[in-house]
C-alpha cells in the first residue's frame, strides 16, 4: 500500500503563522477529529494528553484541538504549559493513546505548531502523520465522529508539573547535590519557566533565573537557546559555574561556561558520550546525530573507537536512527539531546543535568570540562525563496557536487531545504577557514541568483 504524501506535516509536526492556515482553529479542530479517529481503536476508554508552551495563540489552538478530540470520542487531559518532553512522559505514564504538544519550539510568538506523540511517547512516523493528514482531507470525516452518548470529556491534570519535576530530578546521580553551584538559567519565557528553576533549586543549586515572565508575546525574544549572548554575559557578571539556555518548549539547550563561552550541542554530545563510554553506559558503539554535526565531533568519537551515525535533520529522525543502531544517546548541533535511558524525545533540562553531574564529579570548571574537541571551521547560510525550490536547478546540483568533490576528506558540503520554512540552508566545513568561506559564498551566491531568476520568471508569466 502506498503511503499518502504529507503536505501539512514537516520535520517536526505542523507549524505555521498563528491564526492563518494551517495554524488556525479550523485546521486544529479537524486535526483533533482525524487524529482522534486514527487512535480511537480497541475497546478501552481513549485518552489524549494536551500540553502547550506560553504563546498567546495556544489559547486558540488548545480548545480547538480539545473539541476535535472530544468529538472523536476521546477523553482530553489538559496540563497547560509544560516542556515537550513532559508531554511525552505523561503520555506514557497516564496510559494515553496520544500526546499533543502545542509549540513552535524556538520560533517567535507569531508562529505556533502541533507535535504528536504515540502511546509509547515517541513522535509519530512519517507514515502515521501521512495517514492522519489523509483523514483530515476525507469528505466523510465529520460523518464518522462519536455519537452524542460517546463523546469524550475534558479534565485538567493538576499534578502534571510535579510529575515531570520528580522525573527530571531522578536522572541526577543519587547521593549527589548541586549545593555550592551557582547556575544562570534562561527559560526563554517558554514552557519550562516554572519547572526548570524548581528542579535545579530542589537539587541544591543557587539559581539565577532569567526569561521566566512569559506574557504570550515574548517567548524566545532575545533569549533562550537561539539567543544565548545575554546569558553568557550574566554568567560572567554573576560569577556563575554554568549557564543553561533552553528554548521555547525546552527540548533543546545550549550552555555557557564560566568564561561566557557558548557550548553547542556537538560539544554536549561529546561530553556525555565520553562520560557514558568510560562508565560502560553508552550503548550501540557510538551516538546518533544529524548531517549538520561538525566533522570534528565525528573525528573525536573515532578517536575513542566510537561511531557517529548520521540522520536527517530533526530530532525524531535522530530517535529513529538510535532505535535502529541501539544507541542510547543522540542529538543535534542545535541542542536537541535525546537520552533514551531517561526520555523518549529531546529534553534540554535532563541533558543539562548530565553536564552538571560531570561538573560535580570532576570538580573542574566548565571551561575545562565542556570543550572536548576543536570543531572544524563551519558556516551555515540561510537563503529564503518563493515558489519552487532552487535545489531543483541542474546548475545548482552540479555546483554542490563539484564543491563536495573539491573538499574531499578535508571537509563537507551540505545543502538542504528547511522542513519548516521556505529556506535553503547552505553549510560547509573545512580544515581551512578560507576554503570553507569561499565554498559557502560561491554556493550561496549561485542559489540566490537561481532563486531570483525563478522569481522574475514567475512575475513575467503572471503579467502575461
Protein backbone atom coordinates (compact mmCIF):
# COMPACT_ATOMS: atom_id res chain seq x y z
CA UNK A 1 0.00 0.00 0.00
CA UNK A 2 1.40 3.39 -0.99
CA UNK A 3 1.81 5.89 1.86
CA UNK A 4 -0.04 9.14 1.10
CA UNK A 5 2.08 12.27 0.76
CA UNK A 6 2.38 14.76 3.61
CA UNK A 7 1.69 18.44 2.98
CA UNK A 8 0.78 19.77 6.41
CA UNK A 9 3.37 17.89 8.45
CA UNK A 10 7.02 18.92 8.27
CA UNK A 11 10.10 17.71 10.10
CA UNK A 12 8.55 18.47 13.49
CA UNK A 13 4.77 18.30 13.24
CA UNK A 14 2.62 21.06 11.77
CA UNK A 15 3.92 24.61 12.01
CA UNK A 16 2.89 28.00 10.68
CA UNK A 17 1.80 31.55 11.42
CA UNK A 18 -0.79 31.65 14.19
CA UNK A 19 -4.40 32.22 13.14
CA UNK A 20 -3.54 31.54 9.49
CA UNK A 21 -3.91 28.14 7.80
CA UNK A 22 -2.66 25.63 8.70
CA UNK A 23 -2.18 27.00 12.21
CA UNK A 24 -5.75 28.20 12.66
CA UNK A 25 -8.61 26.94 14.79
CA UNK A 26 -10.40 25.23 11.90
CA UNK A 27 -7.35 23.13 10.99
CA UNK A 28 -6.69 22.31 14.65
CA UNK A 29 -10.28 21.15 15.06
CA UNK A 30 -10.01 18.91 12.02
CA UNK A 31 -6.65 17.57 13.16
CA UNK A 32 -8.20 16.65 16.51
CA UNK A 33 -11.03 14.87 14.73
CA UNK A 34 -8.70 12.99 12.38
CA UNK A 35 -6.07 12.05 14.98
CA UNK A 36 -8.85 11.05 17.36
CA UNK A 37 -10.36 8.81 14.73
CA UNK A 38 -6.94 7.34 13.89
CA UNK A 39 -6.14 6.45 17.51
CA UNK A 40 -9.68 5.52 18.56
CA UNK A 41 -9.02 1.81 18.21
CA UNK A 42 -9.80 -1.01 20.63
CA UNK A 43 -12.45 -1.25 23.32
CA UNK A 44 -10.74 0.77 26.08
CA UNK A 45 -11.54 4.36 27.00
CA UNK A 46 -9.39 6.51 24.73
CA UNK A 47 -7.38 9.40 26.15
CA UNK A 48 -5.15 12.20 24.88
CA UNK A 49 -2.79 14.50 26.80
CA UNK A 50 -2.53 18.10 25.56
CA UNK A 51 0.24 20.47 26.65
CA UNK A 52 1.46 23.78 25.30
CA UNK A 53 4.10 26.46 25.66
CA UNK A 54 3.36 30.09 26.55
CA UNK A 55 2.35 31.58 23.18
CA UNK A 56 -0.80 33.68 23.10
CA UNK A 57 -2.15 31.56 20.24
CA UNK A 58 -2.10 28.49 22.45
CA UNK A 59 -5.35 29.76 23.94
CA UNK A 60 -6.91 29.36 20.48
CA UNK A 61 -5.30 26.09 19.37
CA UNK A 62 -5.83 24.17 22.63
CA UNK A 63 -9.66 24.42 22.78
CA UNK A 64 -9.96 23.73 19.04
CA UNK A 65 -7.95 20.52 19.37
CA UNK A 66 -9.89 19.62 22.50
CA UNK A 67 -13.20 19.97 20.67
CA UNK A 68 -11.95 17.77 17.84
CA UNK A 69 -10.76 15.00 20.16
CA UNK A 70 -13.94 15.10 22.23
CA UNK A 71 -15.98 14.87 19.04
CA UNK A 72 -13.95 11.80 18.06
CA UNK A 73 -14.83 10.16 21.38
CA UNK A 74 -11.54 10.73 23.22
CA UNK A 75 -11.14 11.99 26.78
CA UNK A 76 -8.82 15.00 26.91
CA UNK A 77 -6.36 15.61 29.75
CA UNK A 78 -5.15 19.22 29.73
CA UNK A 79 -1.88 20.02 31.51
CA UNK A 80 -1.14 23.62 30.49
CA UNK A 81 2.37 25.00 29.88
CA UNK A 82 4.94 22.21 30.19
CA UNK A 83 8.06 21.20 28.24
CA UNK A 84 7.68 18.94 25.22
CA UNK A 85 9.50 16.05 26.98
CA UNK A 86 6.98 16.30 29.83
CA UNK A 87 4.15 15.63 27.38
CA UNK A 88 5.97 12.58 26.02
CA UNK A 89 6.48 11.35 29.60
CA UNK A 90 2.88 11.96 30.65
CA UNK A 91 1.52 10.26 27.53
CA UNK A 92 3.19 7.05 28.67
CA UNK A 93 2.68 7.35 32.41
CA UNK A 94 -1.02 8.23 32.08
CA UNK A 95 -1.50 5.39 29.56
CA UNK A 96 -2.87 7.78 26.97
CA UNK A 97 -3.33 6.82 23.33
CA UNK A 98 -1.88 10.09 22.12
CA UNK A 99 0.08 13.11 23.32
CA UNK A 100 -0.08 16.59 21.80
CA UNK A 101 2.32 19.48 22.31
CA UNK A 102 1.27 22.90 21.05
CA UNK A 103 4.51 24.74 20.33
CA UNK A 104 6.66 26.19 17.58
CA UNK A 105 9.78 25.42 19.61
CA UNK A 106 12.41 28.15 19.07
CA UNK A 107 10.30 30.24 16.65
CA UNK A 108 8.91 33.66 17.65
CA UNK A 109 5.46 34.05 19.19
CA UNK A 110 3.82 34.79 15.82
CA UNK A 111 4.24 31.11 14.91
CA UNK A 112 2.82 28.03 16.53
CA UNK A 113 2.92 24.31 15.91
CA UNK A 114 1.44 20.95 16.85
CA UNK A 115 3.54 17.88 17.64
CA UNK A 116 2.01 14.43 18.11
CA UNK A 117 3.28 11.56 20.27
CA UNK A 118 2.11 7.97 20.19
CA UNK A 119 1.29 5.92 23.32
CA UNK A 120 4.97 4.96 23.61
CA UNK A 121 5.96 8.62 23.98
CA UNK A 122 7.67 8.67 20.58
CA UNK A 123 6.92 11.18 17.85
CA UNK A 124 4.77 9.74 15.11
CA UNK A 125 6.42 8.34 12.00
CA UNK A 126 6.11 9.97 8.59
CA UNK A 127 3.68 7.21 7.57
CA UNK A 128 1.42 7.77 10.59
CA UNK A 129 1.38 11.52 10.03
CA UNK A 130 0.53 10.95 6.38
CA UNK A 131 -2.41 8.73 7.30
CA UNK A 132 -3.75 11.33 9.75
CA UNK A 133 -3.35 14.03 7.12
CA UNK A 134 -5.27 11.89 4.64
CA UNK A 135 -8.09 11.50 7.18
CA UNK A 136 -8.18 15.30 7.62
CA UNK A 137 -8.93 15.60 3.91
CA UNK A 138 -11.57 12.87 3.87
CA UNK A 139 -15.00 14.27 2.94
CA UNK A 140 -16.75 11.90 5.38
CA UNK A 141 -14.61 12.79 8.41
CA UNK A 142 -17.39 14.71 10.18
CA UNK A 143 -19.83 11.89 9.47
CA UNK A 144 -17.65 9.42 11.38
CA UNK A 145 -17.45 11.20 14.70
CA UNK A 146 -18.74 9.80 18.00
CA UNK A 147 -22.45 9.55 18.73
CA UNK A 148 -23.83 12.01 21.34
CA UNK A 149 -23.61 9.39 24.09
CA UNK A 150 -19.98 8.53 23.32
CA UNK A 151 -18.45 11.97 23.27
CA UNK A 152 -15.25 12.41 25.25
CA UNK A 153 -14.75 14.53 28.36
CA UNK A 154 -12.11 17.12 29.26
CA UNK A 155 -10.28 17.44 32.58
CA UNK A 156 -7.20 19.22 33.89
CA UNK A 157 -4.32 17.23 35.42
CA UNK A 158 -3.25 19.41 38.32
CA UNK A 159 -0.21 17.37 39.39
CA UNK A 160 1.36 17.20 35.91
CA UNK A 161 4.19 19.69 36.68
CA UNK A 162 5.13 17.77 39.83
CA UNK A 163 5.29 14.50 37.91
CA UNK A 164 7.80 15.97 35.47
CA UNK A 165 9.83 17.68 38.17
CA UNK A 166 10.34 14.40 40.03
CA UNK A 167 11.13 12.53 36.81
CA UNK A 168 13.79 15.10 35.85
CA UNK A 169 15.36 15.07 39.32
CA UNK A 170 15.59 11.28 39.24
CA UNK A 171 18.04 11.48 36.31
CA UNK A 172 20.64 13.22 38.50
CA UNK A 173 23.01 10.76 40.25
CA UNK A 174 21.69 9.63 43.62
CA UNK A 175 23.63 10.88 46.60
CA UNK A 176 24.95 13.91 44.76
CA UNK A 177 23.88 17.52 45.08
CA UNK A 178 24.26 20.82 43.28
CA UNK A 179 24.94 22.58 46.55
CA UNK A 180 27.56 25.27 46.06
CA UNK A 181 26.85 25.60 42.34
CA UNK A 182 25.56 28.90 41.00
CA UNK A 183 23.62 28.44 37.77
CA UNK A 184 22.16 31.05 35.44
CA UNK A 185 19.05 29.58 33.83
CA UNK A 186 17.37 31.13 30.78
CA UNK A 187 13.93 29.62 30.19
CA UNK A 188 13.18 31.63 27.02
CA UNK A 189 9.89 32.83 28.58
CA UNK A 190 8.67 29.43 27.49
CA UNK A 191 7.22 26.18 28.69
CA UNK A 192 9.84 25.41 31.36
CA UNK A 193 9.61 28.77 33.13
CA UNK A 194 8.28 27.16 36.33
CA UNK A 195 9.53 23.57 36.33
CA UNK A 196 13.18 24.08 35.32
CA UNK A 197 14.11 26.53 38.12
CA UNK A 198 12.32 24.27 40.60
CA UNK A 199 14.31 21.19 39.54
CA UNK A 200 17.68 22.93 39.89
CA UNK A 201 16.76 24.57 43.20
CA UNK A 202 15.48 21.32 44.72
CA UNK A 203 18.77 19.65 43.74
CA UNK A 204 20.60 22.25 45.81
CA UNK A 205 21.76 24.87 43.32
CA UNK A 206 21.69 28.63 43.66
CA UNK A 207 19.57 29.53 40.64
CA UNK A 208 19.66 32.85 38.84
CA UNK A 209 16.55 32.66 36.66
CA UNK A 210 16.00 34.86 33.61
CA UNK A 211 13.28 34.94 30.94
CA UNK A 212 10.74 33.40 33.34
CA UNK A 213 7.98 36.00 32.92
CA UNK A 214 6.02 34.94 29.82
CA UNK A 215 3.34 37.30 28.56
CA UNK A 216 2.26 35.36 25.48
CA UNK A 217 4.36 37.53 23.16
CA UNK A 218 7.93 37.36 24.50
CA UNK A 219 8.74 33.67 24.05
CA UNK A 220 12.25 33.28 22.52
CA UNK A 221 12.54 37.06 22.15
CA UNK A 222 16.25 37.88 22.55
CA UNK A 223 16.57 34.99 24.97
CA UNK A 224 16.77 31.23 25.11
CA UNK A 225 18.86 28.71 23.20
CA UNK A 226 18.79 30.71 19.96
CA UNK A 227 19.99 33.94 21.60
CA UNK A 228 22.34 32.98 24.46
CA UNK A 229 24.57 36.08 24.36
CA UNK A 230 22.86 37.82 27.32
CA UNK A 231 23.02 34.58 29.26
CA UNK A 232 26.75 34.36 28.67
CA UNK A 233 27.28 37.93 29.89
CA UNK A 234 25.20 37.28 33.00
CA UNK A 235 27.19 34.13 33.78
CA UNK A 236 30.37 36.21 33.89
CA UNK A 237 28.71 39.05 35.81
CA UNK A 238 27.30 36.74 38.49
CA UNK A 239 30.40 34.54 38.57
CA UNK A 240 28.25 31.50 37.92
CA UNK A 241 29.54 27.99 37.37
CA UNK A 242 27.36 27.37 34.32
CA UNK A 243 24.72 28.98 32.17
CA UNK A 244 21.82 26.96 30.75
CA UNK A 245 19.64 28.30 27.93
CA UNK A 246 16.53 26.33 26.97
CA UNK A 247 14.27 27.05 24.01
CA UNK A 248 10.55 27.76 23.99
CA UNK A 249 9.44 24.18 24.58
CA UNK A 250 12.62 23.13 26.48
CA UNK A 251 13.53 20.19 24.27
CA UNK A 252 16.91 21.71 23.44
CA UNK A 253 19.65 23.71 25.12
CA UNK A 254 22.96 25.46 24.74
CA UNK A 255 25.35 26.17 27.60
CA UNK A 256 27.72 28.92 28.63
CA UNK A 257 30.85 28.11 30.60
CA UNK A 258 32.03 30.36 33.44
CA UNK A 259 34.07 32.43 30.97
CA UNK A 260 30.97 33.23 28.90
CA UNK A 261 31.88 30.92 26.01
CA UNK A 262 28.96 29.18 24.30
CA UNK A 263 28.87 25.38 24.31
CA UNK A 264 26.76 23.94 21.46
CA UNK A 265 25.05 20.60 21.04
CA UNK A 266 28.03 18.90 19.42
CA UNK A 267 30.24 19.60 22.44
CA UNK A 268 27.49 18.46 24.81
CA UNK A 269 27.15 15.21 22.85
CA UNK A 270 30.91 14.65 23.01
CA UNK A 271 30.92 15.35 26.74
CA UNK A 272 28.09 12.97 27.63
CA UNK A 273 29.29 10.30 25.18
CA UNK A 274 32.76 10.28 26.70
CA UNK A 275 31.40 10.07 30.24
CA UNK A 276 28.96 7.29 29.47
CA UNK A 277 31.59 5.40 27.46
CA UNK A 278 34.01 5.45 30.40
CA UNK A 279 31.27 4.24 32.73
CA UNK A 280 30.17 1.47 30.37
CA UNK A 281 26.76 3.08 29.96
CA UNK A 282 26.99 4.04 26.27
CA UNK A 283 25.20 1.56 24.04
CA UNK A 284 25.29 0.97 20.30
CA UNK A 285 29.00 1.59 19.88
CA UNK A 286 28.54 5.31 19.36
CA UNK A 287 25.92 8.04 19.14
CA UNK A 288 23.36 9.36 16.65
CA UNK A 289 23.50 12.90 15.31
CA UNK A 290 22.39 14.71 12.18
CA UNK A 291 24.15 15.60 8.96
CA UNK A 292 24.72 19.06 10.48
CA UNK A 293 27.03 17.88 13.27
CA UNK A 294 30.63 19.04 12.92
CA UNK A 295 33.22 16.76 11.36
CA UNK A 296 35.34 17.49 14.42
CA UNK A 297 32.81 15.61 16.56
CA UNK A 298 32.99 12.61 14.25
CA UNK A 299 36.79 12.56 14.39
CA UNK A 300 36.73 12.95 18.19
CA UNK A 301 34.43 9.95 18.54
CA UNK A 302 36.53 7.89 16.16
CA UNK A 303 39.49 8.57 18.42
CA UNK A 304 37.61 6.79 21.21
CA UNK A 305 36.60 3.94 18.94
CA UNK A 306 33.03 5.21 18.69
CA UNK A 307 30.83 5.73 15.64
CA UNK A 308 28.76 8.75 14.65
CA UNK A 309 25.54 7.58 13.00
CA UNK A 310 24.13 10.47 10.96
CA UNK A 311 20.42 11.11 10.47
CA UNK A 312 18.33 13.65 8.59
CA UNK A 313 17.82 16.96 10.39
CA UNK A 314 15.08 16.66 13.00
CA UNK A 315 15.22 15.06 16.43
CA UNK A 316 12.65 12.43 15.53
CA UNK A 317 14.93 11.20 12.75
CA UNK A 318 17.76 11.07 15.28
CA UNK A 319 15.48 8.98 17.51
CA UNK A 320 14.75 6.62 14.62
CA UNK A 321 18.48 6.09 13.98
CA UNK A 322 19.01 5.50 17.70
CA UNK A 323 16.44 2.72 17.66
CA UNK A 324 17.94 1.21 14.51
CA UNK A 325 21.51 1.19 15.88
CA UNK A 326 20.78 0.53 19.55
CA UNK A 327 22.31 3.84 20.65
CA UNK A 328 21.05 5.44 23.86
CA UNK A 329 22.46 8.91 23.12
CA UNK A 330 21.73 11.20 20.21
CA UNK A 331 21.19 14.81 19.39
CA UNK A 332 21.67 17.81 17.16
CA UNK A 333 24.23 20.57 16.95
CA UNK A 334 21.37 22.99 17.65
CA UNK A 335 20.95 21.50 21.12
CA UNK A 336 18.34 18.75 20.93
CA UNK A 337 19.59 15.97 23.21
CA UNK A 338 17.89 12.58 23.36
CA UNK A 339 18.95 10.40 26.27
CA UNK A 340 16.77 7.34 25.80
CA UNK A 341 17.64 5.92 29.23
CA UNK A 342 15.61 8.83 30.61
CA UNK A 343 13.31 10.18 27.90
CA UNK A 344 11.80 9.35 24.52
CA UNK A 345 12.37 12.76 23.00
CA UNK A 346 14.74 15.70 23.35
CA UNK A 347 14.99 17.09 26.89
CA UNK A 348 17.18 20.14 27.43
CA UNK A 349 16.88 20.13 31.21
CA UNK A 350 17.76 16.44 31.62
CA UNK A 351 20.76 16.87 29.31
CA UNK A 352 21.91 19.86 31.36
CA UNK A 353 21.70 17.73 34.49
CA UNK A 354 24.10 15.21 32.94
CA UNK A 355 26.60 18.01 32.33
CA UNK A 356 26.14 19.31 35.87
CA UNK A 357 26.72 15.83 37.24
CA UNK A 358 30.11 15.79 35.50
CA UNK A 359 31.00 19.23 36.88
CA UNK A 360 30.26 17.91 40.37
CA UNK A 361 32.17 14.68 39.75
CA UNK A 362 35.30 16.18 38.20
CA UNK A 363 35.41 19.30 40.39
CA UNK A 364 36.77 21.32 37.48
CA UNK A 365 35.36 24.47 35.85
CA UNK A 366 33.01 24.20 32.90
CA UNK A 367 35.61 25.79 30.60
CA UNK A 368 37.80 22.72 31.12
CA UNK A 369 35.05 20.10 31.20
CA UNK A 370 32.80 21.20 28.35
CA UNK A 371 35.21 21.64 25.44
CA UNK A 372 36.03 18.14 24.25
CA UNK A 373 37.22 18.75 20.68
CA UNK A 374 38.24 21.52 18.31
CA UNK A 375 35.49 21.94 15.69
CA UNK A 376 36.37 22.45 12.05
CA UNK A 377 35.53 25.92 10.74
CA UNK A 378 31.88 25.72 9.75
CA UNK A 379 29.36 28.20 8.39
CA UNK A 380 25.64 28.00 7.70
CA UNK A 381 23.82 30.45 5.43
CA UNK A 382 20.02 30.54 5.08
CA UNK A 383 18.55 31.66 1.75
CA UNK A 384 14.84 32.47 1.58
CA UNK A 385 12.98 31.75 -1.64
CA UNK A 386 9.47 31.88 -3.07
CA UNK A 387 7.84 29.29 -5.30
CA UNK A 388 9.69 26.19 -6.40
CA UNK A 389 12.90 25.25 -4.58
CA UNK A 390 16.08 26.33 -6.41
CA UNK A 391 17.54 22.94 -5.46
CA UNK A 392 15.72 21.54 -8.48
CA UNK A 393 18.01 23.55 -10.77
CA UNK A 394 20.57 21.35 -12.57
CA UNK A 395 23.30 24.01 -12.37
CA UNK A 396 22.86 24.22 -8.59
CA UNK A 397 23.10 20.46 -8.18
CA UNK A 398 26.25 20.31 -10.30
CA UNK A 399 27.85 23.08 -8.23
CA UNK A 400 27.05 21.28 -4.97
CA UNK A 401 28.58 18.04 -6.24
CA UNK A 402 31.68 19.84 -7.51
CA UNK A 403 32.18 21.69 -4.20
CA UNK A 404 31.98 18.47 -2.23
CA UNK A 405 34.41 16.69 -4.53
CA UNK A 406 36.87 19.57 -4.27
CA UNK A 407 36.89 19.48 -0.47
CA UNK A 408 37.22 15.70 -0.37
CA UNK A 409 38.23 14.38 3.06
CA UNK A 410 39.22 17.91 4.20
CA UNK A 411 35.61 18.92 4.79
CA UNK A 412 31.95 18.61 3.88
CA UNK A 413 29.22 20.41 1.97
CA UNK A 414 25.56 20.13 2.90
CA UNK A 415 22.79 21.98 1.08
CA UNK A 416 19.20 21.19 2.03
CA UNK A 417 15.72 22.66 2.16
CA UNK A 418 14.29 23.52 5.57
CA UNK A 419 11.44 21.30 6.68
CA UNK A 420 9.59 24.15 8.39
CA UNK A 421 10.26 27.32 6.33
CA UNK A 422 10.88 28.27 2.66
CA UNK A 423 14.63 28.35 3.21
CA UNK A 424 17.64 26.71 1.61
CA UNK A 425 20.33 26.01 4.17
CA UNK A 426 23.89 26.06 2.80
CA UNK A 427 26.53 24.62 5.10
CA UNK A 428 30.20 23.92 4.55
CA UNK A 429 33.04 22.98 6.84
CA UNK A 430 36.71 22.54 6.09
CA UNK A 431 40.07 22.34 7.78
CA UNK A 432 40.98 25.65 6.16
CA UNK A 433 38.87 28.69 7.14
CA UNK A 434 39.35 30.49 3.82
CA UNK A 435 38.42 27.42 1.77
CA UNK A 436 35.30 26.92 3.86
CA UNK A 437 34.24 30.55 3.47
CA UNK A 438 34.78 30.54 -0.28
CA UNK A 439 32.76 27.35 -0.66
CA UNK A 440 29.78 28.75 1.23
CA UNK A 441 29.94 32.12 -0.52
CA UNK A 442 30.07 30.63 -4.02
CA UNK A 443 27.20 28.20 -3.45
CA UNK A 444 25.04 30.78 -1.69
CA UNK A 445 25.56 33.32 -4.49
CA UNK A 446 24.53 30.79 -7.14
CA UNK A 447 21.44 29.66 -5.23
CA UNK A 448 20.35 33.27 -4.61
CA UNK A 449 20.77 34.02 -8.30
CA UNK A 450 18.75 30.98 -9.42
CA UNK A 451 16.01 31.76 -6.88
CA UNK A 452 15.84 35.37 -8.10
CA UNK A 453 15.71 34.26 -11.74
CA UNK A 454 12.88 31.87 -10.98
CA UNK A 455 11.00 34.65 -9.15
CA UNK A 456 11.42 37.02 -12.10
CA UNK A 457 10.13 34.37 -14.49
CA UNK A 458 7.04 33.85 -12.37
CA UNK A 459 6.30 37.58 -12.40
CA UNK A 460 6.57 37.67 -16.19
CA UNK A 461 4.21 34.70 -16.51
CA UNK A 462 1.75 36.35 -14.11
CA UNK A 463 1.85 39.56 -16.11
CA UNK A 464 1.11 37.72 -19.31
